[in-house]
Amino acid sequence: MEQDKRGIHEEGTIWWHAHNGWARATVHGAVIIYPKRGHTYPFPKPHADVPIIL
């Protein structure tokens, strides 16, 4: 899924999770934000993205 999120000015993996009741333990994941097309990472480009959720 790719969305245009204005106001996000960082690349990398960001953690998201729910903040209410039972969802707190069941709804979570990684959000990977890539640089805009034609732009580079502010660090050496990684070989791959491998999200690991424990």
N, C-alpha and C. Protein backbone atom coordinates (compact mmCIF):
# COMPACT_ATOMS: atom_id res chain seq x y z
N MET A 1 0.85 -1.16 0.00
CA MET A 1 0.00 0.00 0.00
C MET A 1 0.90 1.23 0.00
N GLU A 2 0.60 2.17 -0.85
CA GLU A 2 1.37 3.41 -0.90
C GLU A 2 0.41 4.58 -0.75
N GLN A 3 0.69 5.45 0.19
CA GLN A 3 -0.17 6.61 0.44
C GLN A 3 0.66 7.87 0.47
N ASP A 4 0.04 8.97 0.09
CA ASP A 4 0.69 10.27 0.16
C ASP A 4 0.41 10.85 1.54
N LYS A 5 1.40 10.86 2.39
CA LYS A 5 1.24 11.38 3.75
C LYS A 5 2.02 12.68 3.87
N ARG A 6 1.37 13.79 3.73
CA ARG A 6 2.03 15.08 3.84
C ARG A 6 2.39 15.34 5.31
N GLY A 7 3.53 15.93 5.52
CA GLY A 7 3.95 16.23 6.89
C GLY A 7 4.91 15.21 7.46
N ILE A 8 5.11 14.07 6.78
CA ILE A 8 6.08 13.09 7.24
C ILE A 8 7.39 13.39 6.52
N HIS A 9 8.42 13.72 7.28
CA HIS A 9 9.69 14.13 6.68
C HIS A 9 10.83 13.23 7.12
N GLU A 10 10.59 11.94 7.23
CA GLU A 10 11.65 11.03 7.63
C GLU A 10 11.47 9.70 6.92
N GLU A 11 12.58 9.01 6.70
CA GLU A 11 12.54 7.70 6.10
C GLU A 11 12.90 6.67 7.16
N GLY A 12 12.53 5.43 6.93
CA GLY A 12 12.90 4.36 7.85
C GLY A 12 11.68 3.58 8.29
N THR A 13 11.84 2.82 9.34
CA THR A 13 10.75 2.01 9.87
C THR A 13 10.22 2.66 11.13
N ILE A 14 8.93 2.85 11.17
CA ILE A 14 8.28 3.49 12.31
C ILE A 14 7.28 2.49 12.89
N TRP A 15 7.22 2.38 14.19
CA TRP A 15 6.33 1.45 14.89
C TRP A 15 4.98 2.10 15.14
N TRP A 16 3.90 1.39 14.86
CA TRP A 16 2.57 1.89 15.19
C TRP A 16 1.84 0.84 16.00
N HIS A 17 0.91 1.26 16.83
CA HIS A 17 0.15 0.33 17.66
C HIS A 17 -1.11 1.03 18.18
N ALA A 18 -2.06 0.23 18.60
CA ALA A 18 -3.33 0.76 19.12
C ALA A 18 -3.16 1.22 20.56
N HIS A 19 -4.04 2.10 21.00
CA HIS A 19 -3.98 2.62 22.37
C HIS A 19 -5.29 2.41 23.13
N ASN A 20 -6.08 1.39 22.76
CA ASN A 20 -7.33 1.19 23.50
C ASN A 20 -7.57 -0.29 23.78
N GLY A 21 -7.93 -0.58 25.00
CA GLY A 21 -8.36 -1.89 25.44
C GLY A 21 -7.67 -3.09 24.82
N TRP A 22 -8.49 -4.05 24.33
CA TRP A 22 -7.97 -5.31 23.80
C TRP A 22 -7.11 -5.10 22.57
N ALA A 23 -7.35 -4.04 21.81
CA ALA A 23 -6.59 -3.81 20.58
C ALA A 23 -5.11 -3.56 20.87
N ARG A 24 -4.80 -3.12 22.08
CA ARG A 24 -3.41 -2.81 22.42
C ARG A 24 -2.50 -4.02 22.20
N ALA A 25 -2.98 -5.22 22.49
CA ALA A 25 -2.15 -6.42 22.36
C ALA A 25 -2.32 -7.10 21.01
N THR A 26 -3.25 -6.66 20.18
CA THR A 26 -3.53 -7.38 18.94
C THR A 26 -3.30 -6.57 17.68
N VAL A 27 -3.24 -5.27 17.75
CA VAL A 27 -3.10 -4.45 16.55
C VAL A 27 -1.78 -3.70 16.64
N HIS A 28 -0.83 -4.09 15.80
CA HIS A 28 0.48 -3.45 15.80
C HIS A 28 1.18 -3.80 14.49
N GLY A 29 2.23 -3.11 14.17
CA GLY A 29 2.97 -3.42 12.96
C GLY A 29 4.03 -2.39 12.66
N ALA A 30 4.73 -2.62 11.56
CA ALA A 30 5.77 -1.70 11.12
C ALA A 30 5.26 -0.90 9.93
N VAL A 31 5.61 0.36 9.88
CA VAL A 31 5.30 1.22 8.75
C VAL A 31 6.64 1.62 8.15
N ILE A 32 6.89 1.23 6.91
CA ILE A 32 8.15 1.54 6.25
C ILE A 32 7.93 2.74 5.34
N ILE A 33 8.69 3.80 5.57
CA ILE A 33 8.56 5.02 4.78
C ILE A 33 9.80 5.13 3.89
N TYR A 34 9.57 5.06 2.58
CA TYR A 34 10.66 5.16 1.62
C TYR A 34 10.88 6.61 1.21
N PRO A 35 12.08 6.94 0.74
CA PRO A 35 12.32 8.30 0.24
C PRO A 35 11.44 8.56 -0.99
N LYS A 36 11.18 9.82 -1.27
CA LYS A 36 10.44 10.16 -2.48
C LYS A 36 11.19 9.63 -3.70
N ARG A 37 10.45 9.33 -4.76
CA ARG A 37 11.09 8.87 -5.99
C ARG A 37 12.09 9.92 -6.45
N GLY A 38 13.29 9.46 -6.81
CA GLY A 38 14.33 10.37 -7.26
C GLY A 38 15.20 10.92 -6.15
N HIS A 39 14.85 10.64 -4.89
CA HIS A 39 15.64 11.09 -3.74
C HIS A 39 16.37 9.88 -3.14
N THR A 40 17.42 10.14 -2.40
CA THR A 40 18.17 9.05 -1.78
C THR A 40 17.95 9.04 -0.27
N TYR A 41 18.36 7.94 0.34
CA TYR A 41 18.32 7.85 1.80
C TYR A 41 19.37 8.79 2.38
N PRO A 42 19.20 9.27 3.62
CA PRO A 42 20.23 10.10 4.26
C PRO A 42 21.34 9.24 4.87
N PHE A 43 21.40 7.98 4.48
CA PHE A 43 22.40 7.02 4.95
C PHE A 43 22.61 6.03 3.82
N PRO A 44 23.62 5.17 3.87
CA PRO A 44 23.81 4.19 2.79
C PRO A 44 22.55 3.36 2.57
N LYS A 45 22.18 3.17 1.30
CA LYS A 45 20.96 2.43 0.97
C LYS A 45 21.05 1.00 1.49
N PRO A 46 20.03 0.54 2.23
CA PRO A 46 20.05 -0.84 2.73
C PRO A 46 19.92 -1.84 1.59
N HIS A 47 20.41 -3.05 1.80
CA HIS A 47 20.30 -4.10 0.79
C HIS A 47 18.86 -4.58 0.66
N ALA A 48 18.12 -4.57 1.76
CA ALA A 48 16.74 -5.06 1.75
C ALA A 48 16.01 -4.54 2.99
N ASP A 49 14.69 -4.57 2.93
CA ASP A 49 13.86 -4.26 4.09
C ASP A 49 13.32 -5.58 4.63
N VAL A 50 13.60 -5.88 5.88
CA VAL A 50 13.12 -7.12 6.49
C VAL A 50 12.47 -6.76 7.82
N PRO A 51 11.16 -6.43 7.81
CA PRO A 51 10.49 -6.12 9.06
C PRO A 51 10.38 -7.37 9.94
N ILE A 52 10.76 -7.25 11.19
CA ILE A 52 10.65 -8.34 12.16
C ILE A 52 9.84 -7.82 13.34
N ILE A 53 8.73 -8.47 13.63
CA ILE A 53 7.87 -8.05 14.74
C ILE A 53 7.86 -9.18 15.76
N LEU A 54 8.32 -8.88 16.95
CA LEU A 54 8.39 -9.90 18.01
C LEU A 54 7.25 -9.74 18.98
